[in-house]
Amino acid sequence: MPSSPKSDRPLDESTEEIRRKERELAEAEVKLARRERIVNRLRILQVFFSLVALATGNPAYRWTASCAQWAMERFRDSE
């Protein structure tokens, strides 16, 4: 039995809607992965500068470590 064009249209629209939602989900996953990489890099910097501050006693390194900590917190809060 041949299908009418009206019955094909909702199927096409739902397929397009599914594809759009899958694309949005993939974009959200990419965005989340990017944020996680940034936070991980900031954590590495924070630990590095904290260790250098301990080794040298230079307050500039402590300040830099606290700035990295602050940036990590802002990234987490923005999620």
C-alpha atoms as a PDB file:
ATOM      1  CA  MET A   1       0.000   0.000   0.000  1.00  0.00           C
ATOM      2  CA  PRO A   2       1.567   3.324  -1.048  1.00  0.00           C
ATOM      3  CA  SER A   3       2.108   5.811   1.708  1.00  0.00           C
ATOM      4  CA  SER A   4       0.781   9.293   1.377  1.00  0.00           C
ATOM      5  CA  PRO A   5       3.120  12.315   1.536  1.00  0.00           C
ATOM      6  CA  LYS A   6       1.360  13.460   4.708  1.00  0.00           C
ATOM      7  CA  SER A   7       2.288  10.295   6.585  1.00  0.00           C
ATOM      8  CA  ASP A   8       5.955  10.564   5.471  1.00  0.00           C
ATOM      9  CA  ARG A   9       6.364  14.125   6.671  1.00  0.00           C
ATOM     10  CA  PRO A  10       6.048  13.469  10.456  1.00  0.00           C
ATOM     11  CA  LEU A  11       8.574  10.658  10.183  1.00  0.00           C
ATOM     12  CA  ASP A  12      11.026  12.960   8.392  1.00  0.00           C
ATOM     13  CA  GLU A  13      10.457  15.698  10.949  1.00  0.00           C
ATOM     14  CA  SER A  14      10.978  13.346  13.861  1.00  0.00           C
ATOM     15  CA  THR A  15      14.166  12.031  12.225  1.00  0.00           C
ATOM     16  CA  GLU A  16      15.399  15.598  11.805  1.00  0.00           C
ATOM     17  CA  GLU A  17      14.464  16.347  15.407  1.00  0.00           C
ATOM     18  CA  ILE A  18      16.389  13.278  16.608  1.00  0.00           C
ATOM     19  CA  ARG A  19      19.421  14.291  14.560  1.00  0.00           C
ATOM     20  CA  ARG A  20      19.238  17.827  15.943  1.00  0.00           C
ATOM     21  CA  LYS A  21      19.064  16.531  19.511  1.00  0.00           C
ATOM     22  CA  GLU A  22      21.959  14.135  18.894  1.00  0.00           C
ATOM     23  CA  ARG A  23      24.011  16.996  17.458  1.00  0.00           C
ATOM     24  CA  GLU A  24      23.201  19.207  20.469  1.00  0.00           C
ATOM     25  CA  LEU A  25      24.161  16.388  22.824  1.00  0.00           C
ATOM     26  CA  ALA A  26      27.450  15.838  20.994  1.00  0.00           C
ATOM     27  CA  GLU A  27      28.189  19.574  21.160  1.00  0.00           C
ATOM     28  CA  ALA A  28      27.456  19.623  24.886  1.00  0.00           C
ATOM     29  CA  GLU A  29      29.767  16.647  25.431  1.00  0.00           C
ATOM     30  CA  VAL A  30      32.560  18.388  23.518  1.00  0.00           C
ATOM     31  CA  LYS A  31      32.043  21.541  25.563  1.00  0.00           C
ATOM     32  CA  LEU A  32      32.145  19.588  28.825  1.00  0.00           C
ATOM     33  CA  ALA A  33      35.299  17.716  27.783  1.00  0.00           C
ATOM     34  CA  ARG A  34      36.951  21.035  26.886  1.00  0.00           C
ATOM     35  CA  ARG A  35      36.080  22.473  30.300  1.00  0.00           C
ATOM     36  CA  GLU A  36      37.440  19.394  32.043  1.00  0.00           C
ATOM     37  CA  ARG A  37      40.731  19.678  30.122  1.00  0.00           C
ATOM     38  CA  ILE A  38      41.034  23.347  31.076  1.00  0.00           C
ATOM     39  CA  VAL A  39      40.335  22.597  34.749  1.00  0.00           C
ATOM     40  CA  ASN A  40      42.879  19.753  34.698  1.00  0.00           C
ATOM     41  CA  ARG A  41      45.535  22.037  33.211  1.00  0.00           C
ATOM     42  CA  LEU A  42      44.764  24.712  35.788  1.00  0.00           C
ATOM     43  CA  ARG A  43      45.062  22.096  38.534  1.00  0.00           C
ATOM     44  CA  ILE A  44      48.499  21.087  37.211  1.00  0.00           C
ATOM     45  CA  LEU A  45      49.587  24.740  37.183  1.00  0.00           C
ATOM     46  CA  GLN A  46      48.253  25.275  40.681  1.00  0.00           C
ATOM     47  CA  VAL A  47      50.137  22.264  42.053  1.00  0.00           C
ATOM     48  CA  PHE A  48      53.308  23.235  40.182  1.00  0.00           C
ATOM     49  CA  PHE A  49      53.294  26.813  41.470  1.00  0.00           C
ATOM     50  CA  SER A  50      52.444  25.629  44.984  1.00  0.00           C
ATOM     51  CA  LEU A  51      55.472  23.332  44.948  1.00  0.00           C
ATOM     52  CA  VAL A  52      57.713  26.068  43.578  1.00  0.00           C
ATOM     53  CA  ALA A  53      56.412  28.437  46.256  1.00  0.00           C
ATOM     54  CA  LEU A  54      57.275  25.882  48.936  1.00  0.00           C
ATOM     55  CA  ALA A  55      60.732  25.326  47.499  1.00  0.00           C
ATOM     56  CA  THR A  56      61.625  28.992  46.977  1.00  0.00           C
ATOM     57  CA  GLY A  57      59.492  30.805  49.531  1.00  0.00           C
ATOM     58  CA  ASN A  58      58.695  33.387  46.877  1.00  0.00           C
ATOM     59  CA  PRO A  59      55.221  34.898  47.497  1.00  0.00           C
ATOM     60  CA  ALA A  60      54.726  35.541  43.783  1.00  0.00           C
ATOM     61  CA  TYR A  61      54.453  31.784  43.225  1.00  0.00           C
ATOM     62  CA  ARG A  62      51.916  31.447  46.042  1.00  0.00           C
ATOM     63  CA  TRP A  63      49.907  34.245  44.454  1.00  0.00           C
ATOM     64  CA  THR A  64      50.073  32.553  41.057  1.00  0.00           C
ATOM     65  CA  ALA A  65      48.933  29.249  42.586  1.00  0.00           C
ATOM     66  CA  SER A  66      45.992  30.992  44.241  1.00  0.00           C
ATOM     67  CA  CYS A  67      45.067  32.602  40.904  1.00  0.00           C
ATOM     68  CA  ALA A  68      45.044  29.173  39.255  1.00  0.00           C
ATOM     69  CA  GLN A  69      42.848  27.898  42.104  1.00  0.00           C
ATOM     70  CA  TRP A  70      40.486  30.841  41.649  1.00  0.00           C
ATOM     71  CA  ALA A  71      40.239  30.189  37.884  1.00  0.00           C
ATOM     72  CA  MET A  72      39.482  26.489  38.512  1.00  0.00           C
ATOM     73  CA  GLU A  73      36.672  27.437  40.864  1.00  0.00           C
ATOM     74  CA  ARG A  74      35.192  29.859  38.312  1.00  0.00           C
ATOM     75  CA  PHE A  75      35.226  27.175  35.610  1.00  0.00           C
ATOM     76  CA  ARG A  76      33.511  24.700  37.942  1.00  0.00           C
ATOM     77  CA  ASP A  77      30.907  27.267  38.981  1.00  0.00           C
ATOM     78  CA  SER A  78      30.106  28.122  35.368  1.00  0.00           C
ATOM     79  CA  GLU A  79      29.140  24.505  34.614  1.00  0.00           C
END
